[in-house]
Structure formats: C-alpha cells, structure tokens
Amino acid sequence: MQTAGAAANERYFSDFPAALRYWRGKRGYSQLRLSTESNISQRHISFIESGRSQPSKELILKLGAVLDIPLRQRNVILLAAGFAPAYHERSLSDPELQSVRHALQFMLAQQSPYPALVVDRLWNLLMVNAPAAMLMRWLLGAPADQAIAQDGSLNVLRILLDPAGLRPHLANWEAVCGDMLHWIQREAMSDGPGSEATRLLENLIAFSGLPAITQTPNLDSRALPFLAMHIRKDDVALNLFTTITTLGTPHDVTVHELRVEAFFPADAATATWFMAKAAPPAVA
C-alpha cells in the first residue's frame, strides 16, 4: 500500500487551492459548471480556490470524481489539503489482488493465438501471454526458452523506441513512437515536474533519431481509434493493430492504472503466421 510519505514525493502543488485550479482548468470547467455538476455552490468553490474556505476530505473526493482526476492524483491533492491518501496502491502480486490477476490471466489466454500484455501506466510490463512472449523473443533474437520479465522491470516503450531494441523491425516506427509518447506526455503533465513519468519521458526522447514533433506535448490531439504496427524481419511481414483496455470502477491505484494491450492481425497473412506458430508440431 502507498504510504503518505511515498505519495508526498510526487506532490507538486503548494496547497489544495492551487491543485483545484489546476485540475478545473485542465478539464475545461468553469466554476459555474463545476458547481452545477458537483452540487456545490459556486460561492463555496470560489472560497476554496481563494483559500478563504477549507474543504473537507469528503468534498475533495467528490470534486475529484466530478473532475475525473486519476486516483493517484486524488491522493496527491488530498495530501496538498493536509489529508492522508484515500486510495491504496498495492502490487499486482498482492494476495488481495489475486482475483484481479486471475481475471487478467483469463483475458490474456482468450487472446491467443494473438499477442496480449498487461502494463502499468508507464508501460512497465506486468503480464504477457505466450504469443506475445514468442513475438518479443523472435524480434529481439533471444533464445526460445528465455524468460520474459513480468515484474515491472521491463519497460515496453524503451524496448520499442530503442534503436537496439524493436525499433529496427517497425516499418512505421515514427507513427508508433508518436502514439506511445503521447500516452507518457499525458502522464507527465498530470504528475508534474520531477515525477517518474517526467523522467521516463525525458529518457525516451533522448533516444537518437526521434522526430522533433514527438518531443513536444500534443495534448489537444485525440489518440487514434487503434494503433497500426507494421513489423518486418527477414522475409516476414506482420501487420497488426492494437487496442487498449482498462478496468472500470477501480478503488485501487494499481488497478486503476492497469492497461491490457491486445494485438490483432490486420490481414489474413498475419493471422496465418500466428496460428502456425501456435499450432503443435506435427507428429512424424
């Protein structure tokens, strides 16, 4: 579980009024709209933002829900107001999240023979199905029996964008790069300066050859409905598109930040290649 001290390391608001003004502006809410949707008087919201009134913990949580603030950041604004964090942050291996892990394992298994993986908000790898592990080993030239780390120590974005990683095999790596950096740019903007997301973004854009456009946050553009990936290695051409699934109505920071990325074939040849890889060897 996240402690108050751990959460405090990510705090970048001087006080709760600054946090509320930031998130209200980020969501494009006027005080009147926030008042209408939260059923809190505009006068009271104005007093809170000016520091003339102190909010209760319940009011802060209510405003966080109305403004759709990520659970991690709701903990941050609670700290800014002098309250303890309200949402737990547990490891996916925690016994209390065993049912969640089983559900994710089921989802990954159902995706076979096509790849699927589970990452956290910074795209650290937490779970992977057999087709995804096979694809990663093949692209990286790793032994067929080499284990794929699933403890968060392997960052999918670093592998994708690194010239020594998967990037040489991505025919459309610039498009993939731009889409992936878009996710981290949004996390960095939410977390603020000095955060883990900001440091990751700085590390990613330091890779050689990245187009200048990917180094500028573009928070106004909407992400595409799906991300196309054109993989080329040796005489094999794979055309995939990906979807991202999140878990709804969570009350835990870890669960709220989980992402299930599923890969689907964009043509018959790609589907055939994965099905052949999954088929048991013929008996002589």
C-alpha atoms as a PDB file:
ATOM      1  CA  MET A   1       0.000   0.000   0.000  1.00  0.00           C
ATOM      2  CA  GLN A   2       1.204   3.508  -0.774  1.00  0.00           C
ATOM      3  CA  THR A   3       2.242   5.442   2.301  1.00  0.00           C
ATOM      4  CA  ALA A   4       1.728   9.140   2.866  1.00  0.00           C
ATOM      5  CA  GLY A   5       5.477   9.635   2.563  1.00  0.00           C
ATOM      6  CA  ALA A   6       5.628   7.887  -0.801  1.00  0.00           C
ATOM      7  CA  ALA A   7       2.748   9.935  -2.131  1.00  0.00           C
ATOM      8  CA  ALA A   8       4.313  13.118  -0.818  1.00  0.00           C
ATOM      9  CA  ASN A   9       7.316  12.540  -3.046  1.00  0.00           C
ATOM     10  CA  GLU A  10       5.026  13.121  -6.032  1.00  0.00           C
ATOM     11  CA  ARG A  11       3.357  16.262  -4.674  1.00  0.00           C
ATOM     12  CA  TYR A  12       3.923  19.381  -6.704  1.00  0.00           C
ATOM     13  CA  PHE A  13       1.022  21.605  -5.601  1.00  0.00           C
ATOM     14  CA  SER A  14       1.755  24.167  -2.937  1.00  0.00           C
ATOM     15  CA  ASP A  15      -1.743  23.769  -1.497  1.00  0.00           C
ATOM     16  CA  PHE A  16      -5.205  22.475  -2.351  1.00  0.00           C
ATOM     17  CA  PRO A  17      -6.491  25.729  -3.945  1.00  0.00           C
ATOM     18  CA  ALA A  18      -3.658  25.516  -6.496  1.00  0.00           C
ATOM     19  CA  ALA A  19      -4.499  21.852  -7.141  1.00  0.00           C
ATOM     20  CA  LEU A  20      -8.190  22.578  -7.661  1.00  0.00           C
ATOM     21  CA  ARG A  21      -7.498  25.471 -10.030  1.00  0.00           C
ATOM     22  CA  TYR A  22      -5.091  23.272 -11.990  1.00  0.00           C
ATOM     23  CA  TRP A  23      -7.498  20.360 -12.446  1.00  0.00           C
ATOM     24  CA  ARG A  24     -10.516  22.566 -13.107  1.00  0.00           C
ATOM     25  CA  GLY A  25      -8.561  24.355 -15.842  1.00  0.00           C
ATOM     26  CA  LYS A  26      -7.186  21.073 -17.213  1.00  0.00           C
ATOM     27  CA  ARG A  27     -10.717  19.725 -17.590  1.00  0.00           C
ATOM     28  CA  GLY A  28     -12.010  22.991 -19.045  1.00  0.00           C
ATOM     29  CA  TYR A  29     -14.526  23.571 -16.261  1.00  0.00           C
ATOM     30  CA  SER A  30     -15.675  26.983 -15.190  1.00  0.00           C
ATOM     31  CA  GLN A  31     -16.542  27.441 -11.540  1.00  0.00           C
ATOM     32  CA  LEU A  32     -20.199  27.537 -12.572  1.00  0.00           C
ATOM     33  CA  ARG A  33     -20.006  24.225 -14.408  1.00  0.00           C
ATOM     34  CA  LEU A  34     -18.156  22.580 -11.545  1.00  0.00           C
ATOM     35  CA  SER A  35     -20.768  23.941  -9.158  1.00  0.00           C
ATOM     36  CA  THR A  36     -23.611  22.576 -11.295  1.00  0.00           C
ATOM     37  CA  GLU A  37     -22.134  19.098 -11.725  1.00  0.00           C
ATOM     38  CA  SER A  38     -20.917  18.716  -8.137  1.00  0.00           C
ATOM     39  CA  ASN A  39     -23.961  20.311  -6.476  1.00  0.00           C
ATOM     40  CA  ILE A  40     -21.623  22.568  -4.530  1.00  0.00           C
ATOM     41  CA  SER A  41     -22.328  26.291  -4.552  1.00  0.00           C
ATOM     42  CA  GLN A  42     -20.184  28.402  -6.858  1.00  0.00           C
ATOM     43  CA  ARG A  43     -19.539  30.732  -3.935  1.00  0.00           C
ATOM     44  CA  HIS A  44     -18.097  27.867  -1.891  1.00  0.00           C
ATOM     45  CA  ILE A  45     -15.892  26.715  -4.784  1.00  0.00           C
ATOM     46  CA  SER A  46     -14.658  30.295  -5.188  1.00  0.00           C
ATOM     47  CA  PHE A  47     -13.874  30.496  -1.475  1.00  0.00           C
ATOM     48  CA  ILE A  48     -11.960  27.184  -1.632  1.00  0.00           C
ATOM     49  CA  GLU A  49      -9.894  28.324  -4.618  1.00  0.00           C
ATOM     50  CA  SER A  50      -9.044  31.604  -2.904  1.00  0.00           C
ATOM     51  CA  GLY A  51      -8.111  29.857   0.334  1.00  0.00           C
ATOM     52  CA  ARG A  52     -10.900  31.521   2.294  1.00  0.00           C
ATOM     53  CA  SER A  53     -12.591  28.178   2.993  1.00  0.00           C
ATOM     54  CA  GLN A  54     -11.082  24.824   3.933  1.00  0.00           C
ATOM     55  CA  PRO A  55     -12.572  21.767   2.169  1.00  0.00           C
ATOM     56  CA  SER A  56     -13.400  18.527   3.929  1.00  0.00           C
ATOM     57  CA  LYS A  57     -11.934  15.237   2.783  1.00  0.00           C
ATOM     58  CA  GLU A  58     -15.348  14.162   1.509  1.00  0.00           C
ATOM     59  CA  LEU A  59     -15.695  17.329  -0.562  1.00  0.00           C
ATOM     60  CA  ILE A  60     -12.240  16.824  -2.086  1.00  0.00           C
ATOM     61  CA  LEU A  61     -13.117  13.264  -3.077  1.00  0.00           C
ATOM     62  CA  LYS A  62     -16.389  14.468  -4.583  1.00  0.00           C
ATOM     63  CA  LEU A  63     -14.623  17.108  -6.669  1.00  0.00           C
ATOM     64  CA  GLY A  64     -12.037  14.537  -7.712  1.00  0.00           C
ATOM     65  CA  ALA A  65     -14.785  12.274  -9.020  1.00  0.00           C
ATOM     66  CA  VAL A  66     -16.560  15.084 -10.887  1.00  0.00           C
ATOM     67  CA  LEU A  67     -13.305  16.249 -12.495  1.00  0.00           C
ATOM     68  CA  ASP A  68     -12.330  12.636 -13.261  1.00  0.00           C
ATOM     69  CA  ILE A  69      -8.941  13.041 -11.585  1.00  0.00           C
ATOM     70  CA  PRO A  70      -6.843   9.839 -11.652  1.00  0.00           C
ATOM     71  CA  LEU A  71      -6.777   8.029  -8.311  1.00  0.00           C
ATOM     72  CA  ARG A  72      -3.045   8.585  -7.895  1.00  0.00           C
ATOM     73  CA  GLN A  73      -3.560  12.325  -8.282  1.00  0.00           C
ATOM     74  CA  ARG A  74      -6.547  12.322  -5.931  1.00  0.00           C
ATOM     75  CA  ASN A  75      -4.139  11.072  -3.286  1.00  0.00           C
ATOM     76  CA  VAL A  76      -1.780  13.914  -4.214  1.00  0.00           C
ATOM     77  CA  ILE A  77      -4.430  16.618  -3.841  1.00  0.00           C
ATOM     78  CA  LEU A  78      -5.576  15.109  -0.544  1.00  0.00           C
ATOM     79  CA  LEU A  79      -2.012  15.471   0.707  1.00  0.00           C
ATOM     80  CA  ALA A  80      -1.947  19.052  -0.538  1.00  0.00           C
ATOM     81  CA  ALA A  81      -5.000  19.706   1.634  1.00  0.00           C
ATOM     82  CA  GLY A  82      -3.419  18.042   4.664  1.00  0.00           C
ATOM     83  CA  PHE A  83      -5.276  14.709   4.492  1.00  0.00           C
ATOM     84  CA  ALA A  84      -3.938  11.175   4.214  1.00  0.00           C
ATOM     85  CA  PRO A  85      -4.266   9.362   0.871  1.00  0.00           C
ATOM     86  CA  ALA A  86      -7.633   7.649   0.354  1.00  0.00           C
ATOM     87  CA  TYR A  87      -6.698   5.021  -2.234  1.00  0.00           C
ATOM     88  CA  HIS A  88      -4.426   2.042  -1.722  1.00  0.00           C
ATOM     89  CA  GLU A  89      -1.596   1.224  -4.102  1.00  0.00           C
ATOM     90  CA  ARG A  90      -0.751  -2.470  -3.974  1.00  0.00           C
ATOM     91  CA  SER A  91       1.440  -4.698  -6.078  1.00  0.00           C
ATOM     92  CA  LEU A  92      -0.376  -6.874  -8.592  1.00  0.00           C
ATOM     93  CA  SER A  93       1.158  -9.841  -6.766  1.00  0.00           C
ATOM     94  CA  ASP A  94      -0.580  -8.793  -3.533  1.00  0.00           C
ATOM     95  CA  PRO A  95      -2.920 -11.578  -2.278  1.00  0.00           C
ATOM     96  CA  GLU A  96      -5.762  -9.057  -2.100  1.00  0.00           C
ATOM     97  CA  LEU A  97      -5.498  -8.577  -5.877  1.00  0.00           C
ATOM     98  CA  GLN A  98      -5.423 -12.295  -6.668  1.00  0.00           C
ATOM     99  CA  SER A  99      -8.885 -12.203  -8.245  1.00  0.00           C
ATOM    100  CA  VAL A 100      -7.799  -9.300 -10.458  1.00  0.00           C
ATOM    101  CA  ARG A 101      -4.724 -11.224 -11.563  1.00  0.00           C
ATOM    102  CA  HIS A 102      -6.845 -14.282 -12.384  1.00  0.00           C
ATOM    103  CA  ALA A 103      -9.176 -12.115 -14.470  1.00  0.00           C
ATOM    104  CA  LEU A 104      -6.212 -10.673 -16.369  1.00  0.00           C
ATOM    105  CA  GLN A 105      -4.754 -14.143 -16.960  1.00  0.00           C
ATOM    106  CA  PHE A 106      -8.117 -15.210 -18.407  1.00  0.00           C
ATOM    107  CA  MET A 107      -8.180 -12.199 -20.724  1.00  0.00           C
ATOM    108  CA  LEU A 108      -4.635 -12.881 -21.932  1.00  0.00           C
ATOM    109  CA  ALA A 109      -5.405 -16.550 -22.544  1.00  0.00           C
ATOM    110  CA  GLN A 110      -8.507 -15.671 -24.556  1.00  0.00           C
ATOM    111  CA  GLN A 111      -6.407 -13.501 -26.876  1.00  0.00           C
ATOM    112  CA  SER A 112      -4.298 -16.459 -28.073  1.00  0.00           C
ATOM    113  CA  PRO A 113      -3.043 -17.179 -30.687  1.00  0.00           C
ATOM    114  CA  TYR A 114      -2.511 -13.415 -30.886  1.00  0.00           C
ATOM    115  CA  PRO A 115      -0.331 -11.381 -28.504  1.00  0.00           C
ATOM    116  CA  ALA A 116      -1.546  -9.543 -25.429  1.00  0.00           C
ATOM    117  CA  LEU A 117       0.169  -7.992 -22.441  1.00  0.00           C
ATOM    118  CA  VAL A 118      -0.578  -6.069 -19.257  1.00  0.00           C
ATOM    119  CA  VAL A 119       1.327  -2.903 -18.410  1.00  0.00           C
ATOM    120  CA  ASP A 120       1.056  -0.176 -15.824  1.00  0.00           C
ATOM    121  CA  ARG A 121       0.538   3.495 -16.629  1.00  0.00           C
ATOM    122  CA  LEU A 122       4.237   3.903 -17.528  1.00  0.00           C
ATOM    123  CA  TRP A 123       4.179   0.783 -19.729  1.00  0.00           C
ATOM    124  CA  ASN A 124       6.224  -1.382 -17.382  1.00  0.00           C
ATOM    125  CA  LEU A 125       5.477  -4.996 -18.292  1.00  0.00           C
ATOM    126  CA  LEU A 126       3.472  -6.897 -15.668  1.00  0.00           C
ATOM    127  CA  MET A 127       1.961  -9.840 -17.557  1.00  0.00           C
ATOM    128  CA  VAL A 128       2.297 -11.353 -21.015  1.00  0.00           C
ATOM    129  CA  ASN A 129       0.680 -14.248 -22.870  1.00  0.00           C
ATOM    130  CA  ALA A 130       2.643 -16.918 -24.741  1.00  0.00           C
ATOM    131  CA  PRO A 131       2.199 -15.387 -28.247  1.00  0.00           C
ATOM    132  CA  ALA A 132       3.457 -12.005 -27.033  1.00  0.00           C
ATOM    133  CA  ALA A 133       6.466 -13.612 -25.350  1.00  0.00           C
ATOM    134  CA  MET A 134       7.189 -15.549 -28.544  1.00  0.00           C
ATOM    135  CA  LEU A 135       6.955 -12.387 -30.653  1.00  0.00           C
ATOM    136  CA  MET A 136       9.302 -10.451 -28.356  1.00  0.00           C
ATOM    137  CA  ARG A 137      11.901 -13.234 -28.329  1.00  0.00           C
ATOM    138  CA  TRP A 138      11.751 -13.566 -32.126  1.00  0.00           C
ATOM    139  CA  LEU A 139      12.157  -9.846 -32.747  1.00  0.00           C
ATOM    140  CA  LEU A 140      14.962  -9.484 -30.214  1.00  0.00           C
ATOM    141  CA  GLY A 141      16.749 -12.619 -31.382  1.00  0.00           C
ATOM    142  CA  ALA A 142      16.511 -14.161 -27.898  1.00  0.00           C
ATOM    143  CA  PRO A 143      16.514 -17.916 -27.173  1.00  0.00           C
ATOM    144  CA  ALA A 144      13.105 -19.562 -27.406  1.00  0.00           C
ATOM    145  CA  ASP A 145      13.232 -20.553 -23.736  1.00  0.00           C
ATOM    146  CA  GLN A 146      14.372 -17.182 -22.379  1.00  0.00           C
ATOM    147  CA  ALA A 147      12.065 -15.860 -19.685  1.00  0.00           C
ATOM    148  CA  ILE A 148      10.348 -12.512 -20.184  1.00  0.00           C
ATOM    149  CA  ALA A 149      10.467 -10.388 -17.032  1.00  0.00           C
ATOM    150  CA  GLN A 150       6.943  -9.683 -15.788  1.00  0.00           C
ATOM    151  CA  ASP A 151       7.753  -7.819 -12.595  1.00  0.00           C
ATOM    152  CA  GLY A 152       7.677  -4.272 -13.952  1.00  0.00           C
ATOM    153  CA  SER A 153      11.423  -4.138 -14.573  1.00  0.00           C
ATOM    154  CA  LEU A 154      10.978  -4.278 -18.355  1.00  0.00           C
ATOM    155  CA  ASN A 155       9.622  -1.106 -19.955  1.00  0.00           C
ATOM    156  CA  VAL A 156       7.767  -1.744 -23.216  1.00  0.00           C
ATOM    157  CA  LEU A 157       8.284   1.783 -24.522  1.00  0.00           C
ATOM    158  CA  ARG A 158      12.041   1.647 -24.050  1.00  0.00           C
ATOM    159  CA  ILE A 159      12.144  -1.620 -25.985  1.00  0.00           C
ATOM    160  CA  LEU A 160      10.005  -0.161 -28.780  1.00  0.00           C
ATOM    161  CA  LEU A 161      11.885   3.113 -29.188  1.00  0.00           C
ATOM    162  CA  ASP A 162      15.432   1.911 -28.575  1.00  0.00           C
ATOM    163  CA  PRO A 163      17.430   1.640 -31.839  1.00  0.00           C
ATOM    164  CA  ALA A 164      18.966  -1.505 -30.333  1.00  0.00           C
ATOM    165  CA  GLY A 165      15.549  -2.935 -29.452  1.00  0.00           C
ATOM    166  CA  LEU A 166      12.421  -3.466 -31.546  1.00  0.00           C
ATOM    167  CA  ARG A 167      12.583  -0.209 -33.491  1.00  0.00           C
ATOM    168  CA  PRO A 168      14.589  -1.595 -36.451  1.00  0.00           C
ATOM    169  CA  HIS A 169      11.767  -4.073 -37.088  1.00  0.00           C
ATOM    170  CA  LEU A 170       8.963  -1.478 -37.056  1.00  0.00           C
ATOM    171  CA  ALA A 171       8.399  -0.224 -40.601  1.00  0.00           C
ATOM    172  CA  ASN A 172       6.206   2.594 -39.236  1.00  0.00           C
ATOM    173  CA  TRP A 173       8.206   3.232 -36.094  1.00  0.00           C
ATOM    174  CA  GLU A 174       7.758   7.023 -36.289  1.00  0.00           C
ATOM    175  CA  ALA A 175       3.970   6.679 -36.073  1.00  0.00           C
ATOM    176  CA  VAL A 176       4.279   4.153 -33.250  1.00  0.00           C
ATOM    177  CA  CYS A 177       6.780   6.419 -31.494  1.00  0.00           C
ATOM    178  CA  GLY A 178       4.451   9.428 -31.682  1.00  0.00           C
ATOM    179  CA  ASP A 179       1.477   7.475 -30.373  1.00  0.00           C
ATOM    180  CA  MET A 180       3.384   5.918 -27.492  1.00  0.00           C
ATOM    181  CA  LEU A 181       4.975   9.192 -26.420  1.00  0.00           C
ATOM    182  CA  HIS A 182       1.515  10.768 -26.441  1.00  0.00           C
ATOM    183  CA  TRP A 183       0.495   8.479 -23.561  1.00  0.00           C
ATOM    184  CA  ILE A 184       3.561   9.332 -21.475  1.00  0.00           C
ATOM    185  CA  GLN A 185       3.254  13.050 -22.220  1.00  0.00           C
ATOM    186  CA  ARG A 186      -0.215  12.985 -20.689  1.00  0.00           C
ATOM    187  CA  GLU A 187       1.042  11.110 -17.622  1.00  0.00           C
ATOM    188  CA  ALA A 188       3.924  13.562 -17.225  1.00  0.00           C
ATOM    189  CA  MET A 189       1.573  16.546 -17.451  1.00  0.00           C
ATOM    190  CA  SER A 190      -0.664  15.014 -14.777  1.00  0.00           C
ATOM    191  CA  ASP A 191       2.198  14.121 -12.444  1.00  0.00           C
ATOM    192  CA  GLY A 192       4.168  17.334 -12.801  1.00  0.00           C
ATOM    193  CA  PRO A 193       7.902  18.199 -12.792  1.00  0.00           C
ATOM    194  CA  GLY A 194      10.333  15.724 -11.283  1.00  0.00           C
ATOM    195  CA  SER A 195       7.863  12.845 -11.373  1.00  0.00           C
ATOM    196  CA  GLU A 196       8.646   9.313 -12.520  1.00  0.00           C
ATOM    197  CA  ALA A 197       6.565   9.901 -15.661  1.00  0.00           C
ATOM    198  CA  THR A 198       8.513  13.059 -16.480  1.00  0.00           C
ATOM    199  CA  ARG A 199      11.833  11.279 -16.042  1.00  0.00           C
ATOM    200  CA  LEU A 200      10.677   8.431 -18.289  1.00  0.00           C
ATOM    201  CA  LEU A 201       9.593  10.909 -20.966  1.00  0.00           C
ATOM    202  CA  GLU A 202      12.991  12.606 -20.830  1.00  0.00           C
ATOM    203  CA  ASN A 203      14.733   9.238 -21.189  1.00  0.00           C
ATOM    204  CA  LEU A 204      12.562   8.221 -24.138  1.00  0.00           C
ATOM    205  CA  ILE A 205      13.012  11.395 -26.159  1.00  0.00           C
ATOM    206  CA  ALA A 206      16.770  11.122 -25.619  1.00  0.00           C
ATOM    207  CA  PHE A 207      16.888   8.131 -27.981  1.00  0.00           C
ATOM    208  CA  SER A 208      18.549   9.037 -31.271  1.00  0.00           C
ATOM    209  CA  GLY A 209      16.547   9.695 -34.399  1.00  0.00           C
ATOM    210  CA  LEU A 210      13.236  10.680 -32.825  1.00  0.00           C
ATOM    211  CA  PRO A 211      11.323  13.228 -34.918  1.00  0.00           C
ATOM    212  CA  ALA A 212      11.236  16.666 -33.347  1.00  0.00           C
ATOM    213  CA  ILE A 213       7.430  16.663 -33.340  1.00  0.00           C
ATOM    214  CA  THR A 214       7.334  13.806 -30.839  1.00  0.00           C
ATOM    215  CA  GLN A 215       9.282  15.864 -28.323  1.00  0.00           C
ATOM    216  CA  THR A 216       6.519  18.458 -27.983  1.00  0.00           C
ATOM    217  CA  PRO A 217       3.466  17.599 -25.868  1.00  0.00           C
ATOM    218  CA  ASN A 218       0.371  17.442 -28.031  1.00  0.00           C
ATOM    219  CA  LEU A 219      -2.467  17.131 -25.554  1.00  0.00           C
ATOM    220  CA  ASP A 220      -5.123  18.530 -27.869  1.00  0.00           C
ATOM    221  CA  SER A 221      -4.984  15.764 -30.464  1.00  0.00           C
ATOM    222  CA  ARG A 222      -7.034  12.671 -29.818  1.00  0.00           C
ATOM    223  CA  ALA A 223      -5.408   9.265 -29.929  1.00  0.00           C
ATOM    224  CA  LEU A 224      -6.321   7.194 -32.968  1.00  0.00           C
ATOM    225  CA  PRO A 225      -9.017   4.513 -32.511  1.00  0.00           C
ATOM    226  CA  PHE A 226      -6.239   1.954 -32.915  1.00  0.00           C
ATOM    227  CA  LEU A 227      -2.502   1.856 -33.394  1.00  0.00           C
ATOM    228  CA  ALA A 228      -1.224   0.132 -36.530  1.00  0.00           C
ATOM    229  CA  MET A 229       2.084  -1.704 -36.290  1.00  0.00           C
ATOM    230  CA  HIS A 230       3.916  -2.901 -39.405  1.00  0.00           C
ATOM    231  CA  ILE A 231       6.596  -5.392 -38.411  1.00  0.00           C
ATOM    232  CA  ARG A 232       9.300  -6.543 -40.799  1.00  0.00           C
ATOM    233  CA  LYS A 233      12.003  -9.096 -40.056  1.00  0.00           C
ATOM    234  CA  ASP A 234      13.854 -11.269 -42.546  1.00  0.00           C
ATOM    235  CA  ASP A 235      11.207 -12.307 -45.093  1.00  0.00           C
ATOM    236  CA  VAL A 236       8.282 -11.995 -42.661  1.00  0.00           C
ATOM    237  CA  ALA A 237       5.839  -9.055 -42.790  1.00  0.00           C
ATOM    238  CA  LEU A 238       3.276  -8.733 -39.991  1.00  0.00           C
ATOM    239  CA  ASN A 239       0.530  -6.122 -39.949  1.00  0.00           C
ATOM    240  CA  LEU A 240      -1.159  -5.659 -36.600  1.00  0.00           C
ATOM    241  CA  PHE A 241      -3.377  -3.193 -34.835  1.00  0.00           C
ATOM    242  CA  THR A 242      -3.685  -2.826 -31.082  1.00  0.00           C
ATOM    243  CA  THR A 243      -6.423  -1.998 -28.621  1.00  0.00           C
ATOM    244  CA  ILE A 244      -6.080  -0.773 -25.041  1.00  0.00           C
ATOM    245  CA  THR A 245      -8.448  -1.966 -22.309  1.00  0.00           C
ATOM    246  CA  THR A 246      -8.691  -0.536 -18.798  1.00  0.00           C
ATOM    247  CA  LEU A 247     -10.508  -1.915 -15.754  1.00  0.00           C
ATOM    248  CA  GLY A 248     -13.583   0.067 -14.805  1.00  0.00           C
ATOM    249  CA  THR A 249     -14.739   1.330 -11.391  1.00  0.00           C
ATOM    250  CA  PRO A 250     -11.494   0.612  -9.501  1.00  0.00           C
ATOM    251  CA  HIS A 251     -10.818   1.677  -5.909  1.00  0.00           C
ATOM    252  CA  ASP A 252      -7.111   0.870  -6.002  1.00  0.00           C
ATOM    253  CA  VAL A 253      -4.402   2.957  -7.688  1.00  0.00           C
ATOM    254  CA  THR A 254      -2.679  -0.103  -9.152  1.00  0.00           C
ATOM    255  CA  VAL A 255      -5.868  -1.498 -10.680  1.00  0.00           C
ATOM    256  CA  HIS A 256      -6.886   1.923 -11.972  1.00  0.00           C
ATOM    257  CA  GLU A 257      -3.592   2.228 -13.855  1.00  0.00           C
ATOM    258  CA  LEU A 258      -3.512  -1.219 -15.480  1.00  0.00           C
ATOM    259  CA  ARG A 259      -3.618  -1.362 -19.275  1.00  0.00           C
ATOM    260  CA  VAL A 260      -4.334  -4.512 -21.291  1.00  0.00           C
ATOM    261  CA  GLU A 261      -2.900  -4.180 -24.788  1.00  0.00           C
ATOM    262  CA  ALA A 262      -4.215  -6.729 -27.273  1.00  0.00           C
ATOM    263  CA  PHE A 263      -2.787  -7.213 -30.761  1.00  0.00           C
ATOM    264  CA  PHE A 264      -4.956  -8.281 -33.681  1.00  0.00           C
ATOM    265  CA  PRO A 265      -3.993  -9.298 -37.226  1.00  0.00           C
ATOM    266  CA  ALA A 266      -4.792  -6.670 -39.861  1.00  0.00           C
ATOM    267  CA  ASP A 267      -4.624  -9.170 -42.719  1.00  0.00           C
ATOM    268  CA  ALA A 268      -5.006 -12.883 -43.404  1.00  0.00           C
ATOM    269  CA  ALA A 269      -1.276 -13.494 -43.799  1.00  0.00           C
ATOM    270  CA  THR A 270      -0.559 -12.161 -40.322  1.00  0.00           C
ATOM    271  CA  ALA A 271      -3.344 -14.275 -38.817  1.00  0.00           C
ATOM    272  CA  THR A 272      -1.974 -17.364 -40.550  1.00  0.00           C
ATOM    273  CA  TRP A 273       1.556 -16.695 -39.248  1.00  0.00           C
ATOM    274  CA  PHE A 274       0.425 -16.508 -35.618  1.00  0.00           C
ATOM    275  CA  MET A 275      -1.842 -19.536 -35.917  1.00  0.00           C
ATOM    276  CA  ALA A 276       1.031 -21.542 -37.401  1.00  0.00           C
ATOM    277  CA  LYS A 277       3.302 -20.500 -34.521  1.00  0.00           C
ATOM    278  CA  ALA A 278       0.675 -21.625 -32.023  1.00  0.00           C
ATOM    279  CA  ALA A 279      -0.027 -24.985 -33.707  1.00  0.00           C
ATOM    280  CA  PRO A 280       1.601 -28.031 -32.040  1.00  0.00           C
ATOM    281  CA  PRO A 281       4.412 -29.634 -34.052  1.00  0.00           C
ATOM    282  CA  ALA A 282       3.352 -32.368 -36.438  1.00  0.00           C
ATOM    283  CA  VAL A 283       3.982 -35.926 -35.248  1.00  0.00           C
ATOM    284  CA  ALA A 284       6.146 -37.918 -37.678  1.00  0.00           C
END
